[in-house]
Amino acid sequence: MKPTIEKISNKPNFGWRIQYYHSYDSRFDWHYHFEYELVLHRDYKGKKFVGDYIGPIEHNSLSLYGPKLPHATTFDNCADNSRNATYIIWFSQAWISQLIKVLPELKNLQPMLDKSSQGIEFPEPCAQKIFLLLENYQTLSPALAVSRVIEVLVTLSESTTVKRLNSYSPKNVEESDNTLKLVEKISLYIERNYRDNIKLEDLCRQIH
């Protein structure tokens, strides 16, 4: 089954975003995106699909997916449990790379980011720490929120026990790559003009 591309943001210089969901959608949505995704599921039972990996989702299931890694989830109890909660942090390659560049103290994030190209799962105690950092994020100012995201990533990077999920590593595409820029430009053009009879020549004119 071919994964679909999920567009995380329409902002040209997207950096990061935190999202909270209650009763997360249980339909199977096999997809990937060009951003990193950290996802925490609480009080769920189900399955996660990450590349060629299939495994259980339990309470405090915490995973980090690298760019272009196909993934999906299914749940058994999302409709009848009022305690269901999902927290997701998306962040771009450009944003985290620039952050590490200007703050050398964050260089230890890189090994974790490299591993995430195959998907990594963190132990339950680590997931609980991340929940405590995220549960009241809506009350934070933008400045405190970004510092909280950094604290989450540093906490994850210091975890000594992680599980790699997918058996292979997808080709990494940097956001500065000209190919990715062209893909984004074409995607935006199609998104704005899909009602028209778009021809190949139209796309060629857009990317010169």
N, C-alpha and C. Protein backbone atom coordinates (compact mmCIF):
# COMPACT_ATOMS: atom_id res chain seq x y z
N MET A 1 0.84 -1.19 0.00
CA MET A 1 0.00 0.00 0.00
C MET A 1 0.88 1.24 0.00
N LYS A 2 0.65 2.12 -0.96
CA LYS A 2 1.48 3.32 -1.08
C LYS A 2 1.05 4.36 -0.07
N PRO A 3 1.97 4.89 0.74
CA PRO A 3 1.61 5.91 1.73
C PRO A 3 1.31 7.25 1.07
N THR A 4 0.43 8.01 1.69
CA THR A 4 0.14 9.36 1.22
C THR A 4 1.07 10.35 1.92
N ILE A 5 1.26 11.51 1.29
CA ILE A 5 2.07 12.57 1.89
C ILE A 5 1.17 13.47 2.72
N GLU A 6 1.49 13.64 3.98
CA GLU A 6 0.73 14.53 4.85
C GLU A 6 1.43 15.88 4.93
N LYS A 7 0.68 16.94 4.68
CA LYS A 7 1.25 18.29 4.77
C LYS A 7 1.01 18.81 6.18
N ILE A 8 2.05 18.99 6.93
CA ILE A 8 1.93 19.39 8.34
C ILE A 8 1.58 20.87 8.48
N SER A 9 2.11 21.70 7.60
CA SER A 9 1.87 23.13 7.72
C SER A 9 1.98 23.80 6.36
N ASN A 10 1.21 24.88 6.18
CA ASN A 10 1.31 25.69 4.96
C ASN A 10 2.33 26.81 5.09
N LYS A 11 2.93 26.93 6.27
CA LYS A 11 3.92 27.98 6.47
C LYS A 11 5.21 27.63 5.72
N PRO A 12 5.75 28.57 4.95
CA PRO A 12 6.97 28.27 4.18
C PRO A 12 8.18 27.98 5.05
N ASN A 13 8.22 28.54 6.26
CA ASN A 13 9.36 28.34 7.17
C ASN A 13 8.89 27.68 8.46
N PHE A 14 8.13 26.61 8.32
CA PHE A 14 7.59 25.92 9.48
C PHE A 14 8.71 25.42 10.38
N GLY A 15 8.55 25.63 11.69
CA GLY A 15 9.55 25.18 12.65
C GLY A 15 9.07 24.01 13.48
N TRP A 16 8.02 24.25 14.29
CA TRP A 16 7.54 23.20 15.18
C TRP A 16 6.09 23.48 15.57
N ARG A 17 5.41 22.45 16.04
CA ARG A 17 4.03 22.61 16.50
C ARG A 17 3.69 21.48 17.47
N ILE A 18 2.96 21.81 18.53
CA ILE A 18 2.43 20.80 19.46
C ILE A 18 0.93 20.69 19.23
N GLN A 19 0.42 19.48 19.20
CA GLN A 19 -1.01 19.27 19.01
C GLN A 19 -1.53 18.24 20.01
N TYR A 20 -2.70 18.54 20.56
CA TYR A 20 -3.36 17.62 21.49
C TYR A 20 -4.63 17.08 20.85
N TYR A 21 -4.87 15.77 20.97
CA TYR A 21 -6.09 15.16 20.46
C TYR A 21 -6.73 14.32 21.57
N HIS A 22 -8.05 14.39 21.64
CA HIS A 22 -8.81 13.47 22.49
C HIS A 22 -9.60 12.55 21.58
N SER A 23 -9.62 11.24 21.90
CA SER A 23 -10.29 10.25 21.04
C SER A 23 -9.75 10.34 19.62
N TYR A 24 -8.49 10.04 19.50
CA TYR A 24 -7.77 10.10 18.22
C TYR A 24 -8.44 9.21 17.19
N ASP A 25 -8.48 9.64 15.93
CA ASP A 25 -9.14 8.90 14.86
C ASP A 25 -8.58 7.48 14.75
N SER A 26 -9.48 6.48 14.68
CA SER A 26 -9.03 5.09 14.66
C SER A 26 -8.88 4.53 13.26
N ARG A 27 -9.19 5.32 12.22
CA ARG A 27 -9.06 4.79 10.86
C ARG A 27 -7.59 4.61 10.50
N PHE A 28 -7.33 3.67 9.61
CA PHE A 28 -5.96 3.39 9.19
C PHE A 28 -5.52 4.45 8.18
N ASP A 29 -4.51 5.22 8.53
CA ASP A 29 -4.03 6.32 7.68
C ASP A 29 -2.53 6.14 7.46
N TRP A 30 -2.17 5.43 6.42
CA TRP A 30 -0.78 5.11 6.09
C TRP A 30 -0.17 6.31 5.39
N HIS A 31 0.74 7.01 6.05
CA HIS A 31 1.22 8.28 5.53
C HIS A 31 2.66 8.55 5.96
N TYR A 32 3.24 9.59 5.38
CA TYR A 32 4.54 10.09 5.81
C TYR A 32 4.56 11.60 5.59
N HIS A 33 5.60 12.24 6.11
CA HIS A 33 5.76 13.68 5.91
C HIS A 33 7.24 13.99 6.01
N PHE A 34 7.60 15.23 5.72
CA PHE A 34 9.00 15.63 5.69
C PHE A 34 9.49 16.15 7.03
N GLU A 35 8.63 16.14 8.03
CA GLU A 35 8.99 16.59 9.38
C GLU A 35 9.20 15.39 10.31
N TYR A 36 9.90 15.64 11.42
CA TYR A 36 9.96 14.65 12.50
C TYR A 36 8.61 14.67 13.23
N GLU A 37 8.24 13.52 13.78
CA GLU A 37 7.01 13.45 14.56
C GLU A 37 7.26 12.66 15.85
N LEU A 38 6.99 13.33 16.97
CA LEU A 38 7.01 12.67 18.27
C LEU A 38 5.57 12.50 18.71
N VAL A 39 5.15 11.26 19.00
CA VAL A 39 3.75 11.01 19.33
C VAL A 39 3.65 10.21 20.63
N LEU A 40 2.80 10.71 21.54
CA LEU A 40 2.55 10.07 22.82
C LEU A 40 1.07 9.70 22.93
N HIS A 41 0.77 8.41 23.08
CA HIS A 41 -0.59 7.94 23.27
C HIS A 41 -0.78 7.51 24.73
N ARG A 42 -1.85 8.00 25.35
CA ARG A 42 -2.16 7.65 26.74
C ARG A 42 -3.53 6.99 26.81
N ASP A 43 -3.58 5.88 27.58
CA ASP A 43 -4.82 5.14 27.79
C ASP A 43 -5.42 4.63 26.48
N TYR A 44 -4.56 4.14 25.62
CA TYR A 44 -4.99 3.52 24.38
C TYR A 44 -4.56 2.06 24.33
N LYS A 45 -5.30 1.29 23.57
CA LYS A 45 -4.90 -0.06 23.17
C LYS A 45 -5.03 -0.12 21.66
N GLY A 46 -4.00 -0.62 21.00
CA GLY A 46 -4.07 -0.70 19.55
C GLY A 46 -2.77 -1.20 18.97
N LYS A 47 -2.53 -0.82 17.71
CA LYS A 47 -1.32 -1.24 17.02
C LYS A 47 -0.69 -0.06 16.29
N LYS A 48 0.63 -0.09 16.20
CA LYS A 48 1.35 0.90 15.40
C LYS A 48 2.02 0.19 14.24
N PHE A 49 2.02 0.85 13.10
CA PHE A 49 2.64 0.34 11.88
C PHE A 49 3.69 1.36 11.47
N VAL A 50 4.95 0.94 11.47
CA VAL A 50 6.06 1.85 11.18
C VAL A 50 6.97 1.16 10.17
N GLY A 51 6.92 1.59 8.91
CA GLY A 51 7.68 0.89 7.89
C GLY A 51 7.24 -0.56 7.82
N ASP A 52 8.16 -1.49 8.09
CA ASP A 52 7.80 -2.91 8.07
C ASP A 52 7.55 -3.46 9.47
N TYR A 53 7.44 -2.56 10.46
CA TYR A 53 7.23 -2.98 11.84
C TYR A 53 5.74 -2.90 12.21
N ILE A 54 5.26 -3.90 12.94
CA ILE A 54 3.92 -3.89 13.51
C ILE A 54 4.06 -4.25 14.98
N GLY A 55 3.55 -3.39 15.87
CA GLY A 55 3.68 -3.65 17.30
C GLY A 55 2.52 -3.03 18.07
N PRO A 56 2.44 -3.34 19.36
CA PRO A 56 1.31 -2.89 20.17
C PRO A 56 1.44 -1.43 20.61
N ILE A 57 0.29 -0.82 20.81
CA ILE A 57 0.20 0.48 21.48
C ILE A 57 -0.42 0.24 22.85
N GLU A 58 0.28 0.63 23.88
CA GLU A 58 -0.20 0.51 25.25
C GLU A 58 -0.28 1.90 25.87
N HIS A 59 -0.67 1.97 27.12
CA HIS A 59 -0.69 3.25 27.83
C HIS A 59 0.73 3.82 27.87
N ASN A 60 0.84 5.11 27.60
CA ASN A 60 2.13 5.79 27.56
C ASN A 60 3.04 5.22 26.47
N SER A 61 2.48 5.03 25.30
CA SER A 61 3.27 4.61 24.14
C SER A 61 3.86 5.86 23.49
N LEU A 62 5.19 5.91 23.42
CA LEU A 62 5.89 7.10 22.94
C LEU A 62 6.87 6.72 21.84
N SER A 63 6.72 7.34 20.67
CA SER A 63 7.57 7.01 19.52
C SER A 63 8.00 8.29 18.81
N LEU A 64 9.17 8.20 18.17
CA LEU A 64 9.69 9.30 17.35
C LEU A 64 9.92 8.77 15.94
N TYR A 65 9.30 9.42 14.95
CA TYR A 65 9.42 9.02 13.55
C TYR A 65 10.20 10.08 12.79
N GLY A 66 11.19 9.65 12.04
CA GLY A 66 11.97 10.57 11.24
C GLY A 66 11.26 10.94 9.95
N PRO A 67 11.79 11.93 9.23
CA PRO A 67 11.19 12.36 7.96
C PRO A 67 11.10 11.21 6.96
N LYS A 68 9.99 11.17 6.24
CA LYS A 68 9.73 10.23 5.15
C LYS A 68 9.47 8.80 5.61
N LEU A 69 9.35 8.56 6.91
CA LEU A 69 9.11 7.20 7.40
C LEU A 69 7.60 6.94 7.43
N PRO A 70 7.09 6.01 6.64
CA PRO A 70 5.64 5.73 6.64
C PRO A 70 5.20 5.15 7.97
N HIS A 71 4.03 5.59 8.45
CA HIS A 71 3.52 5.08 9.71
C HIS A 71 2.01 5.25 9.77
N ALA A 72 1.40 4.49 10.66
CA ALA A 72 -0.05 4.55 10.88
C ALA A 72 -0.35 3.92 12.22
N THR A 73 -1.55 4.17 12.74
CA THR A 73 -1.98 3.57 14.00
C THR A 73 -3.44 3.13 13.88
N THR A 74 -3.78 2.10 14.64
CA THR A 74 -5.18 1.71 14.80
C THR A 74 -5.43 1.50 16.29
N PHE A 75 -6.68 1.77 16.73
CA PHE A 75 -7.00 1.71 18.15
C PHE A 75 -8.22 0.84 18.39
N ASP A 76 -8.23 0.19 19.55
CA ASP A 76 -9.35 -0.68 19.94
C ASP A 76 -10.35 0.03 20.82
N ASN A 77 -9.94 1.09 21.52
CA ASN A 77 -10.79 1.65 22.57
C ASN A 77 -10.89 3.16 22.53
N CYS A 78 -10.77 3.77 21.34
CA CYS A 78 -10.73 5.24 21.30
C CYS A 78 -12.11 5.87 21.47
N ALA A 79 -13.18 5.10 21.32
CA ALA A 79 -14.52 5.69 21.38
C ALA A 79 -15.13 5.66 22.77
N ASP A 80 -14.67 4.76 23.65
CA ASP A 80 -15.35 4.56 24.92
C ASP A 80 -14.49 4.86 26.14
N ASN A 81 -13.40 5.57 25.95
CA ASN A 81 -12.51 5.86 27.07
C ASN A 81 -12.30 7.36 27.16
N SER A 82 -12.84 7.98 28.19
CA SER A 82 -12.75 9.44 28.33
C SER A 82 -11.34 9.90 28.66
N ARG A 83 -10.46 8.98 29.00
CA ARG A 83 -9.09 9.35 29.38
C ARG A 83 -8.14 9.32 28.19
N ASN A 84 -8.63 8.90 27.02
CA ASN A 84 -7.77 8.88 25.84
C ASN A 84 -7.12 10.23 25.59
N ALA A 85 -5.85 10.24 25.30
CA ALA A 85 -5.17 11.50 24.99
C ALA A 85 -3.97 11.20 24.10
N THR A 86 -3.78 12.05 23.09
CA THR A 86 -2.62 11.94 22.21
C THR A 86 -1.96 13.30 22.10
N TYR A 87 -0.66 13.33 22.34
CA TYR A 87 0.13 14.54 22.17
C TYR A 87 1.11 14.31 21.02
N ILE A 88 1.17 15.25 20.10
CA ILE A 88 2.09 15.14 18.97
C ILE A 88 2.92 16.42 18.86
N ILE A 89 4.22 16.25 18.67
CA ILE A 89 5.10 17.37 18.34
C ILE A 89 5.67 17.10 16.95
N TRP A 90 5.44 18.02 16.04
CA TRP A 90 6.10 17.98 14.73
C TRP A 90 7.18 19.05 14.71
N PHE A 91 8.32 18.75 14.13
CA PHE A 91 9.35 19.78 13.96
C PHE A 91 10.14 19.48 12.70
N SER A 92 10.56 20.55 12.04
CA SER A 92 11.20 20.42 10.73
C SER A 92 12.68 20.12 10.86
N GLN A 93 13.22 19.57 9.79
CA GLN A 93 14.66 19.30 9.76
C GLN A 93 15.46 20.60 9.82
N ALA A 94 14.99 21.62 9.09
CA ALA A 94 15.71 22.89 9.07
C ALA A 94 15.75 23.52 10.45
N TRP A 95 14.62 23.47 11.17
CA TRP A 95 14.53 24.09 12.49
C TRP A 95 15.47 23.41 13.48
N ILE A 96 15.44 22.10 13.55
CA ILE A 96 16.26 21.40 14.53
C ILE A 96 17.74 21.48 14.15
N SER A 97 18.04 21.47 12.86
CA SER A 97 19.44 21.57 12.43
C SER A 97 20.02 22.94 12.80
N GLN A 98 19.23 24.00 12.60
CA GLN A 98 19.69 25.34 12.95
C GLN A 98 19.85 25.48 14.46
N LEU A 99 18.94 24.86 15.21
CA LEU A 99 19.01 24.92 16.66
C LEU A 99 20.30 24.28 17.17
N ILE A 100 20.63 23.12 16.62
CA ILE A 100 21.86 22.43 17.03
C ILE A 100 23.09 23.24 16.62
N LYS A 101 22.97 23.92 15.50
CA LYS A 101 24.11 24.71 15.01
C LYS A 101 24.40 25.90 15.92
N VAL A 102 23.36 26.58 16.38
CA VAL A 102 23.57 27.77 17.21
C VAL A 102 23.72 27.43 18.68
N LEU A 103 23.30 26.24 19.07
CA LEU A 103 23.43 25.80 20.46
C LEU A 103 24.20 24.48 20.49
N PRO A 104 25.52 24.52 20.50
CA PRO A 104 26.32 23.29 20.49
C PRO A 104 25.99 22.35 21.65
N GLU A 105 25.41 22.89 22.72
CA GLU A 105 25.05 22.05 23.86
C GLU A 105 24.00 21.00 23.48
N LEU A 106 23.33 21.21 22.34
CA LEU A 106 22.29 20.28 21.91
C LEU A 106 22.80 19.23 20.92
N LYS A 107 24.12 19.15 20.75
CA LYS A 107 24.66 18.23 19.76
C LYS A 107 24.31 16.78 20.04
N ASN A 108 24.02 16.46 21.31
CA ASN A 108 23.67 15.07 21.65
C ASN A 108 22.29 14.67 21.14
N LEU A 109 21.55 15.64 20.59
CA LEU A 109 20.27 15.29 19.97
C LEU A 109 20.47 14.54 18.66
N GLN A 110 21.60 14.77 17.99
CA GLN A 110 21.78 14.25 16.64
C GLN A 110 21.74 12.72 16.56
N PRO A 111 22.40 11.98 17.47
CA PRO A 111 22.30 10.52 17.38
C PRO A 111 20.86 10.02 17.47
N MET A 112 20.05 10.64 18.32
CA MET A 112 18.65 10.26 18.43
C MET A 112 17.91 10.56 17.13
N LEU A 113 18.16 11.72 16.54
CA LEU A 113 17.51 12.08 15.29
C LEU A 113 17.90 11.11 14.17
N ASP A 114 19.17 10.70 14.17
CA ASP A 114 19.62 9.74 13.15
C ASP A 114 18.88 8.41 13.30
N LYS A 115 18.73 7.94 14.53
CA LYS A 115 18.03 6.68 14.77
C LYS A 115 16.56 6.76 14.38
N SER A 116 15.99 7.95 14.49
CA SER A 116 14.55 8.09 14.23
C SER A 116 14.19 7.83 12.78
N SER A 117 15.18 7.79 11.89
CA SER A 117 14.88 7.47 10.49
C SER A 117 14.28 6.08 10.36
N GLN A 118 14.51 5.23 11.36
CA GLN A 118 13.91 3.90 11.40
C GLN A 118 12.74 3.82 12.39
N GLY A 119 12.46 4.94 13.05
CA GLY A 119 11.44 4.95 14.09
C GLY A 119 12.01 4.38 15.38
N ILE A 120 11.83 5.09 16.48
CA ILE A 120 12.29 4.59 17.77
C ILE A 120 11.18 4.73 18.80
N GLU A 121 11.15 3.77 19.71
CA GLU A 121 10.14 3.73 20.77
C GLU A 121 10.84 3.87 22.11
N PHE A 122 10.26 4.70 23.00
CA PHE A 122 10.86 4.98 24.29
C PHE A 122 10.13 4.21 25.39
N PRO A 123 10.83 3.88 26.48
CA PRO A 123 10.19 3.12 27.58
C PRO A 123 9.14 3.95 28.31
N GLU A 124 8.26 3.26 29.02
CA GLU A 124 7.14 3.90 29.70
C GLU A 124 7.56 4.97 30.71
N PRO A 125 8.60 4.76 31.53
CA PRO A 125 9.01 5.83 32.46
C PRO A 125 9.39 7.12 31.74
N CYS A 126 10.04 6.99 30.60
CA CYS A 126 10.40 8.16 29.80
C CYS A 126 9.14 8.83 29.27
N ALA A 127 8.19 8.02 28.81
CA ALA A 127 6.92 8.57 28.30
C ALA A 127 6.18 9.35 29.38
N GLN A 128 6.23 8.87 30.62
CA GLN A 128 5.57 9.58 31.72
C GLN A 128 6.21 10.94 31.96
N LYS A 129 7.54 11.01 31.87
CA LYS A 129 8.23 12.29 32.01
C LYS A 129 7.79 13.27 30.93
N ILE A 130 7.65 12.77 29.70
CA ILE A 130 7.25 13.63 28.59
C ILE A 130 5.81 14.11 28.78
N PHE A 131 4.96 13.23 29.27
CA PHE A 131 3.57 13.65 29.55
C PHE A 131 3.54 14.80 30.54
N LEU A 132 4.31 14.71 31.60
CA LEU A 132 4.33 15.77 32.61
C LEU A 132 4.83 17.09 32.02
N LEU A 133 5.67 17.02 31.01
CA LEU A 133 6.16 18.23 30.37
C LEU A 133 5.13 18.83 29.41
N LEU A 134 4.25 17.99 28.86
CA LEU A 134 3.33 18.44 27.82
C LEU A 134 1.91 18.71 28.29
N GLU A 135 1.52 18.19 29.44
CA GLU A 135 0.10 18.20 29.79
C GLU A 135 -0.50 19.60 29.90
N ASN A 136 0.29 20.60 30.24
CA ASN A 136 -0.24 21.96 30.36
C ASN A 136 0.39 22.92 29.37
N TYR A 137 0.80 22.40 28.22
CA TYR A 137 1.52 23.25 27.28
C TYR A 137 0.66 24.41 26.76
N GLN A 138 -0.69 24.25 26.75
CA GLN A 138 -1.55 25.31 26.23
C GLN A 138 -1.46 26.59 27.06
N THR A 139 -1.04 26.47 28.31
CA THR A 139 -0.97 27.65 29.18
C THR A 139 0.34 28.41 29.04
N LEU A 140 1.26 27.89 28.27
CA LEU A 140 2.59 28.50 28.17
C LEU A 140 2.61 29.60 27.12
N SER A 141 3.45 30.59 27.34
CA SER A 141 3.70 31.61 26.33
C SER A 141 4.50 30.97 25.19
N PRO A 142 4.52 31.59 24.00
CA PRO A 142 5.30 31.02 22.89
C PRO A 142 6.77 30.77 23.25
N ALA A 143 7.36 31.68 24.01
CA ALA A 143 8.76 31.52 24.40
C ALA A 143 8.96 30.32 25.31
N LEU A 144 8.06 30.17 26.28
CA LEU A 144 8.16 29.03 27.19
C LEU A 144 7.79 27.72 26.47
N ALA A 145 6.89 27.82 25.52
CA ALA A 145 6.50 26.61 24.78
C ALA A 145 7.67 26.05 23.98
N VAL A 146 8.42 26.92 23.32
CA VAL A 146 9.55 26.42 22.53
C VAL A 146 10.64 25.87 23.45
N SER A 147 10.81 26.48 24.62
CA SER A 147 11.79 25.95 25.56
C SER A 147 11.33 24.59 26.09
N ARG A 148 10.01 24.40 26.20
CA ARG A 148 9.48 23.12 26.64
C ARG A 148 9.71 22.04 25.59
N VAL A 149 9.56 22.40 24.31
CA VAL A 149 9.84 21.45 23.23
C VAL A 149 11.30 21.01 23.28
N ILE A 150 12.19 21.96 23.48
CA ILE A 150 13.62 21.64 23.57
C ILE A 150 13.87 20.73 24.78
N GLU A 151 13.23 21.02 25.91
CA GLU A 151 13.39 20.18 27.09
C GLU A 151 12.91 18.76 26.83
N VAL A 152 11.81 18.63 26.10
CA VAL A 152 11.31 17.30 25.75
C VAL A 152 12.35 16.54 24.92
N LEU A 153 12.92 17.19 23.92
CA LEU A 153 13.89 16.53 23.05
C LEU A 153 15.16 16.15 23.82
N VAL A 154 15.60 17.02 24.69
CA VAL A 154 16.79 16.71 25.49
C VAL A 154 16.51 15.52 26.41
N THR A 155 15.34 15.51 27.04
CA THR A 155 14.96 14.40 27.91
C THR A 155 14.97 13.08 27.14
N LEU A 156 14.44 13.11 25.93
CA LEU A 156 14.43 11.89 25.11
C LEU A 156 15.84 11.45 24.76
N SER A 157 16.70 12.41 24.42
CA SER A 157 18.06 12.07 24.01
C SER A 157 18.87 11.44 25.13
N GLU A 158 18.45 11.67 26.37
CA GLU A 158 19.17 11.12 27.52
C GLU A 158 18.62 9.76 27.95
N SER A 159 17.59 9.28 27.26
CA SER A 159 17.05 7.96 27.56
C SER A 159 18.05 6.89 27.12
N THR A 160 18.39 5.98 28.02
CA THR A 160 19.40 4.96 27.72
C THR A 160 18.80 3.72 27.08
N THR A 161 17.48 3.64 27.03
CA THR A 161 16.82 2.45 26.47
C THR A 161 15.81 2.88 25.42
N VAL A 162 16.13 2.62 24.16
CA VAL A 162 15.19 2.88 23.07
C VAL A 162 15.14 1.65 22.18
N LYS A 163 14.04 1.50 21.49
CA LYS A 163 13.83 0.36 20.61
C LYS A 163 13.68 0.84 19.17
N ARG A 164 14.54 0.36 18.28
CA ARG A 164 14.38 0.69 16.87
C ARG A 164 13.25 -0.15 16.29
N LEU A 165 12.45 0.45 15.41
CA LEU A 165 11.26 -0.22 14.92
C LEU A 165 11.42 -0.77 13.50
N ASN A 166 11.59 0.09 12.54
CA ASN A 166 11.69 -0.34 11.14
C ASN A 166 13.05 -0.96 10.86
N SER A 167 13.08 -1.97 9.98
CA SER A 167 14.34 -2.68 9.75
C SER A 167 15.26 -1.98 8.76
N TYR A 168 14.72 -0.98 8.03
CA TYR A 168 15.56 -0.27 7.08
C TYR A 168 15.40 1.22 7.31
N SER A 169 16.33 1.99 6.75
CA SER A 169 16.31 3.44 6.94
C SER A 169 15.98 4.11 5.62
N PRO A 170 14.87 4.89 5.53
CA PRO A 170 14.53 5.57 4.27
C PRO A 170 15.55 6.63 3.94
N LYS A 171 15.67 6.93 2.66
CA LYS A 171 16.61 7.96 2.21
C LYS A 171 16.26 9.30 2.83
N ASN A 172 17.24 9.91 3.44
CA ASN A 172 17.01 11.19 4.11
C ASN A 172 17.02 12.32 3.08
N VAL A 173 16.03 13.20 3.19
CA VAL A 173 15.95 14.35 2.30
C VAL A 173 15.97 15.61 3.14
N GLU A 174 16.99 16.42 2.97
CA GLU A 174 17.09 17.66 3.73
C GLU A 174 16.15 18.70 3.15
N GLU A 175 15.64 19.57 3.99
CA GLU A 175 14.71 20.57 3.51
C GLU A 175 15.40 21.59 2.61
N SER A 176 16.70 21.67 2.64
CA SER A 176 17.41 22.56 1.75
C SER A 176 17.64 21.94 0.38
N ASP A 177 17.33 20.66 0.24
CA ASP A 177 17.52 19.95 -1.01
C ASP A 177 16.63 20.56 -2.08
N ASN A 178 17.20 20.82 -3.27
CA ASN A 178 16.43 21.43 -4.35
C ASN A 178 15.26 20.56 -4.78
N THR A 179 15.44 19.26 -4.69
CA THR A 179 14.36 18.35 -5.07
C THR A 179 13.15 18.56 -4.17
N LEU A 180 13.37 18.67 -2.87
CA LEU A 180 12.27 18.88 -1.95
C LEU A 180 11.60 20.22 -2.19
N LYS A 181 12.39 21.25 -2.51
CA LYS A 181 11.83 22.56 -2.80
C LYS A 181 10.88 22.48 -4.00
N LEU A 182 11.28 21.73 -5.02
CA LEU A 182 10.44 21.59 -6.21
C LEU A 182 9.16 20.83 -5.88
N VAL A 183 9.28 19.77 -5.08
CA VAL A 183 8.10 19.00 -4.70
C VAL A 183 7.11 19.89 -3.95
N GLU A 184 7.60 20.70 -3.03
CA GLU A 184 6.73 21.58 -2.26
C GLU A 184 6.07 22.62 -3.16
N LYS A 185 6.83 23.14 -4.12
CA LYS A 185 6.29 24.15 -5.02
C LYS A 185 5.19 23.57 -5.89
N ILE A 186 5.41 22.36 -6.42
CA ILE A 186 4.40 21.70 -7.24
C ILE A 186 3.17 21.35 -6.41
N SER A 187 3.39 20.84 -5.19
CA SER A 187 2.27 20.47 -4.32
C SER A 187 1.39 21.68 -4.03
N LEU A 188 2.02 22.84 -3.76
CA LEU A 188 1.27 24.05 -3.47
C LEU A 188 0.47 24.50 -4.70
N TYR A 189 1.07 24.39 -5.88
CA TYR A 189 0.37 24.78 -7.11
C TYR A 189 -0.86 23.90 -7.33
N ILE A 190 -0.70 22.59 -7.16
CA ILE A 190 -1.82 21.66 -7.34
C ILE A 190 -2.90 21.92 -6.31
N GLU A 191 -2.49 22.20 -5.08
CA GLU A 191 -3.45 22.47 -4.00
C GLU A 191 -4.30 23.69 -4.33
N ARG A 192 -3.72 24.69 -4.98
CA ARG A 192 -4.45 25.92 -5.29
C ARG A 192 -5.23 25.84 -6.59
N ASN A 193 -4.89 24.89 -7.46
CA ASN A 193 -5.49 24.85 -8.80
C ASN A 193 -6.07 23.50 -9.17
N TYR A 194 -6.34 22.66 -8.18
CA TYR A 194 -6.77 21.30 -8.50
C TYR A 194 -8.13 21.25 -9.22
N ARG A 195 -8.94 22.30 -9.10
CA ARG A 195 -10.23 22.32 -9.78
C ARG A 195 -10.09 22.56 -11.27
N ASP A 196 -8.95 23.08 -11.68
CA ASP A 196 -8.71 23.35 -13.10
C ASP A 196 -8.12 22.12 -13.79
N ASN A 197 -8.10 22.19 -15.10
CA ASN A 197 -7.52 21.10 -15.88
C ASN A 197 -6.00 21.31 -15.97
N ILE A 198 -5.29 20.87 -14.94
CA ILE A 198 -3.84 21.11 -14.87
C ILE A 198 -3.12 20.22 -15.88
N LYS A 199 -2.25 20.82 -16.65
CA LYS A 199 -1.46 20.07 -17.65
C LYS A 199 0.00 20.03 -17.21
N LEU A 200 0.71 19.10 -17.78
CA LEU A 200 2.13 18.94 -17.46
C LEU A 200 2.90 20.22 -17.77
N GLU A 201 2.49 20.91 -18.86
CA GLU A 201 3.18 22.16 -19.21
C GLU A 201 3.01 23.22 -18.13
N ASP A 202 1.83 23.20 -17.47
CA ASP A 202 1.60 24.16 -16.39
C ASP A 202 2.59 23.95 -15.24
N LEU A 203 2.79 22.67 -14.88
CA LEU A 203 3.73 22.37 -13.81
C LEU A 203 5.16 22.73 -14.22
N CYS A 204 5.50 22.47 -15.48
CA CYS A 204 6.85 22.80 -15.96
C CYS A 204 7.12 24.30 -15.87
N ARG A 205 6.08 25.09 -16.20
CA ARG A 205 6.24 26.55 -16.12
C ARG A 205 6.47 26.99 -14.67
N GLN A 206 5.82 26.31 -13.72
CA GLN A 206 5.96 26.66 -12.32
C GLN A 206 7.37 26.44 -11.78
N ILE A 207 8.02 25.41 -12.31
CA ILE A 207 9.37 25.09 -11.80
C ILE A 207 10.45 25.43 -12.83
N HIS A 208 10.02 26.13 -13.88
CA HIS A 208 10.98 26.61 -14.90
C HIS A 208 11.75 25.44 -15.51
